[in-house]
Amino acid sequence: MDESKKAISKMPPVLVIDDSDIDRQVMTDLLTRAGFPVHDLPTAIGATRAAREFGAKVVVIDQNLPALNGAKLAALFRSNPSMKDIKLVLISSNDAETMADLLREARADAFVSKDRMHSDLVSTIRRVL
């Protein structure tokens, strides 16, 4: 196996959760091109099970999910001792001040603005790892 394939195969798995098909696909494409194995979900339902089965090291969560918002889902991940090492990244079109409060409340590791997802998502995930 050549060195580039070895590097790609060692990238940590990322789970993307977003109810927007377009945003979820964009994030999946960005992360896949950066070499991350990616699994995605359109809803918070089954998120912890999917993260466990996929072996996710990072979970990107849309803040504005219906039924269970991103901060609440992040808090759910944090309340599960078997998932304490998973890095959580909230993504939203909400303003940074609102998201800073939610990050602290949910104990998430980082925030990415949806309008900066193309430029910031991959670098943010690399930073939290």
C-alpha atoms as a PDB file:
ATOM      1  CA  MET A   1       0.000   0.000   0.000  1.00  0.00           C
ATOM      2  CA  ASP A   2       1.454   3.385  -0.907  1.00  0.00           C
ATOM      3  CA  GLU A   3       1.995   6.061   1.763  1.00  0.00           C
ATOM      4  CA  SER A   4      -1.040   8.196   0.765  1.00  0.00           C
ATOM      5  CA  LYS A   5      -3.397   5.225   1.130  1.00  0.00           C
ATOM      6  CA  LYS A   6      -1.868   4.368   4.510  1.00  0.00           C
ATOM      7  CA  ALA A   7      -2.487   7.939   5.692  1.00  0.00           C
ATOM      8  CA  ILE A   8      -6.081   7.888   4.498  1.00  0.00           C
ATOM      9  CA  SER A   9      -6.797   4.536   6.100  1.00  0.00           C
ATOM     10  CA  LYS A  10      -5.552   5.860   9.459  1.00  0.00           C
ATOM     11  CA  MET A  11      -7.856   8.875   9.512  1.00  0.00           C
ATOM     12  CA  PRO A  12     -10.405   8.684  12.329  1.00  0.00           C
ATOM     13  CA  PRO A  13     -14.047   7.998  11.438  1.00  0.00           C
ATOM     14  CA  VAL A  14     -16.495  10.927  11.495  1.00  0.00           C
ATOM     15  CA  LEU A  15     -20.264  10.739  11.967  1.00  0.00           C
ATOM     16  CA  VAL A  16     -22.241  13.637  10.428  1.00  0.00           C
ATOM     17  CA  ILE A  17     -25.784  14.303  11.672  1.00  0.00           C
ATOM     18  CA  ASP A  18     -27.840  16.905   9.793  1.00  0.00           C
ATOM     19  CA  ASP A  19     -31.455  16.917   8.628  1.00  0.00           C
ATOM     20  CA  SER A  20     -30.553  18.951   5.530  1.00  0.00           C
ATOM     21  CA  ASP A  21     -29.731  16.521   2.719  1.00  0.00           C
ATOM     22  CA  ILE A  22     -27.667  19.181   0.937  1.00  0.00           C
ATOM     23  CA  ASP A  23     -25.616  20.229   3.985  1.00  0.00           C
ATOM     24  CA  ARG A  24     -25.079  16.610   5.011  1.00  0.00           C
ATOM     25  CA  GLN A  25     -23.824  15.761   1.518  1.00  0.00           C
ATOM     26  CA  VAL A  26     -21.514  18.796   1.399  1.00  0.00           C
ATOM     27  CA  MET A  27     -19.994  17.884   4.777  1.00  0.00           C
ATOM     28  CA  THR A  28     -19.632  14.237   3.759  1.00  0.00           C
ATOM     29  CA  ASP A  29     -17.899  15.252   0.513  1.00  0.00           C
ATOM     30  CA  LEU A  30     -15.538  17.702   2.271  1.00  0.00           C
ATOM     31  CA  LEU A  31     -14.534  15.148   4.885  1.00  0.00           C
ATOM     32  CA  THR A  32     -14.217  12.264   2.431  1.00  0.00           C
ATOM     33  CA  ARG A  33     -11.932  14.340   0.186  1.00  0.00           C
ATOM     34  CA  ALA A  34      -9.816  15.101   3.270  1.00  0.00           C
ATOM     35  CA  GLY A  35      -9.449  11.361   3.848  1.00  0.00           C
ATOM     36  CA  PHE A  36     -11.884  10.790   6.697  1.00  0.00           C
ATOM     37  CA  PRO A  37     -14.161   7.758   6.645  1.00  0.00           C
ATOM     38  CA  VAL A  38     -17.666   9.235   6.993  1.00  0.00           C
ATOM     39  CA  HIS A  39     -21.053   7.893   8.010  1.00  0.00           C
ATOM     40  CA  ASP A  40     -24.070  10.203   8.020  1.00  0.00           C
ATOM     41  CA  LEU A  41     -27.527  10.356   9.539  1.00  0.00           C
ATOM     42  CA  PRO A  42     -30.489  12.645   8.742  1.00  0.00           C
ATOM     43  CA  THR A  43     -31.776  12.562  12.331  1.00  0.00           C
ATOM     44  CA  ALA A  44     -30.633  12.209  15.935  1.00  0.00           C
ATOM     45  CA  ILE A  45     -32.494   8.896  16.186  1.00  0.00           C
ATOM     46  CA  GLY A  46     -29.965   6.114  16.611  1.00  0.00           C
ATOM     47  CA  ALA A  47     -27.021   8.531  16.773  1.00  0.00           C
ATOM     48  CA  THR A  48     -25.261   6.992  19.767  1.00  0.00           C
ATOM     49  CA  ARG A  49     -25.711   3.490  18.395  1.00  0.00           C
ATOM     50  CA  ALA A  50     -24.405   4.570  14.965  1.00  0.00           C
ATOM     51  CA  ALA A  51     -21.400   6.298  16.541  1.00  0.00           C
ATOM     52  CA  ARG A  52     -20.565   3.180  18.532  1.00  0.00           C
ATOM     53  CA  GLU A  53     -21.032   0.779  15.574  1.00  0.00           C
ATOM     54  CA  PHE A  54     -19.079   3.011  13.160  1.00  0.00           C
ATOM     55  CA  GLY A  55     -16.337   3.683  15.707  1.00  0.00           C
ATOM     56  CA  ALA A  56     -16.705   7.446  15.289  1.00  0.00           C
ATOM     57  CA  LYS A  57     -13.985   9.550  16.894  1.00  0.00           C
ATOM     58  CA  VAL A  58     -15.743  12.789  15.919  1.00  0.00           C
ATOM     59  CA  VAL A  59     -19.450  13.550  15.615  1.00  0.00           C
ATOM     60  CA  VAL A  60     -20.575  16.648  13.713  1.00  0.00           C
ATOM     61  CA  ILE A  61     -24.051  17.648  14.892  1.00  0.00           C
ATOM     62  CA  ASP A  62     -26.393  20.204  13.340  1.00  0.00           C
ATOM     63  CA  GLN A  63     -27.659  22.464  16.128  1.00  0.00           C
ATOM     64  CA  ASN A  64     -31.073  22.888  14.521  1.00  0.00           C
ATOM     65  CA  LEU A  65     -32.134  19.248  14.302  1.00  0.00           C
ATOM     66  CA  PRO A  66     -35.869  18.763  14.783  1.00  0.00           C
ATOM     67  CA  ALA A  67     -37.064  17.048  17.975  1.00  0.00           C
ATOM     68  CA  LEU A  68     -33.635  16.874  19.665  1.00  0.00           C
ATOM     69  CA  ASN A  69     -31.374  19.834  18.958  1.00  0.00           C
ATOM     70  CA  GLY A  70     -27.610  19.544  18.596  1.00  0.00           C
ATOM     71  CA  ALA A  71     -26.728  20.768  22.086  1.00  0.00           C
ATOM     72  CA  LYS A  72     -29.123  18.277  23.674  1.00  0.00           C
ATOM     73  CA  LEU A  73     -27.766  15.470  21.515  1.00  0.00           C
ATOM     74  CA  ALA A  74     -24.203  16.486  22.443  1.00  0.00           C
ATOM     75  CA  ALA A  75     -25.191  16.413  26.121  1.00  0.00           C
ATOM     76  CA  LEU A  76     -26.602  12.918  25.566  1.00  0.00           C
ATOM     77  CA  PHE A  77     -23.258  11.795  24.127  1.00  0.00           C
ATOM     78  CA  ARG A  78     -21.445  13.385  27.090  1.00  0.00           C
ATOM     79  CA  SER A  79     -23.703  11.611  29.593  1.00  0.00           C
ATOM     80  CA  ASN A  80     -22.677   8.203  28.204  1.00  0.00           C
ATOM     81  CA  PRO A  81     -19.377   7.135  29.855  1.00  0.00           C
ATOM     82  CA  SER A  82     -18.503   4.856  26.928  1.00  0.00           C
ATOM     83  CA  MET A  83     -18.522   7.885  24.602  1.00  0.00           C
ATOM     84  CA  LYS A  84     -16.552  10.341  26.731  1.00  0.00           C
ATOM     85  CA  ASP A  85     -13.614  10.406  24.301  1.00  0.00           C
ATOM     86  CA  ILE A  86     -15.665  11.205  21.190  1.00  0.00           C
ATOM     87  CA  LYS A  87     -15.080  14.764  19.974  1.00  0.00           C
ATOM     88  CA  LEU A  88     -18.262  16.732  19.340  1.00  0.00           C
ATOM     89  CA  VAL A  89     -18.535  19.559  16.812  1.00  0.00           C
ATOM     90  CA  LEU A  90     -21.733  21.592  16.589  1.00  0.00           C
ATOM     91  CA  ILE A  91     -22.539  23.164  13.236  1.00  0.00           C
ATOM     92  CA  SER A  92     -25.143  25.870  12.789  1.00  0.00           C
ATOM     93  CA  SER A  93     -26.209  29.041  11.072  1.00  0.00           C
ATOM     94  CA  ASN A  94     -26.831  30.536  14.543  1.00  0.00           C
ATOM     95  CA  ASP A  95     -24.610  33.428  15.628  1.00  0.00           C
ATOM     96  CA  ALA A  96     -21.312  32.708  17.392  1.00  0.00           C
ATOM     97  CA  GLU A  97     -22.415  34.188  20.727  1.00  0.00           C
ATOM     98  CA  THR A  98     -25.453  31.921  20.951  1.00  0.00           C
ATOM     99  CA  MET A  99     -23.339  28.953  19.953  1.00  0.00           C
ATOM    100  CA  ALA A 100     -20.649  29.742  22.548  1.00  0.00           C
ATOM    101  CA  ASP A 101     -23.269  29.409  25.282  1.00  0.00           C
ATOM    102  CA  LEU A 102     -24.565  26.157  23.782  1.00  0.00           C
ATOM    103  CA  LEU A 103     -21.030  24.763  23.458  1.00  0.00           C
ATOM    104  CA  ARG A 104     -20.415  25.265  27.166  1.00  0.00           C
ATOM    105  CA  GLU A 105     -23.819  23.875  28.105  1.00  0.00           C
ATOM    106  CA  ALA A 106     -23.407  20.763  25.950  1.00  0.00           C
ATOM    107  CA  ARG A 107     -19.668  20.374  26.626  1.00  0.00           C
ATOM    108  CA  ALA A 108     -19.025  20.168  22.893  1.00  0.00           C
ATOM    109  CA  ASP A 109     -15.468  20.597  21.624  1.00  0.00           C
ATOM    110  CA  ALA A 110     -15.990  23.102  18.815  1.00  0.00           C
ATOM    111  CA  PHE A 111     -18.419  25.067  16.673  1.00  0.00           C
ATOM    112  CA  VAL A 112     -18.441  25.619  12.912  1.00  0.00           C
ATOM    113  CA  SER A 113     -20.689  28.162  11.264  1.00  0.00           C
ATOM    114  CA  LYS A 114     -22.573  26.714   8.301  1.00  0.00           C
ATOM    115  CA  ASP A 115     -21.609  29.714   6.196  1.00  0.00           C
ATOM    116  CA  ARG A 116     -17.924  28.817   6.823  1.00  0.00           C
ATOM    117  CA  MET A 117     -18.265  25.059   6.581  1.00  0.00           C
ATOM    118  CA  HIS A 118     -16.311  24.868   3.292  1.00  0.00           C
ATOM    119  CA  SER A 119     -13.293  26.605   4.795  1.00  0.00           C
ATOM    120  CA  ASP A 120     -13.483  25.579   8.468  1.00  0.00           C
ATOM    121  CA  LEU A 121     -14.995  22.107   8.885  1.00  0.00           C
ATOM    122  CA  VAL A 122     -11.965  19.970   8.054  1.00  0.00           C
ATOM    123  CA  SER A 123      -9.500  22.179   9.932  1.00  0.00           C
ATOM    124  CA  THR A 124     -11.772  22.280  12.983  1.00  0.00           C
ATOM    125  CA  ILE A 125     -12.020  18.496  13.058  1.00  0.00           C
ATOM    126  CA  ARG A 126      -8.249  18.157  12.721  1.00  0.00           C
ATOM    127  CA  ARG A 127      -7.803  20.660  15.565  1.00  0.00           C
ATOM    128  CA  VAL A 128     -10.112  18.849  18.011  1.00  0.00           C
ATOM    129  CA  LEU A 129      -8.421  15.518  17.312  1.00  0.00           C
END
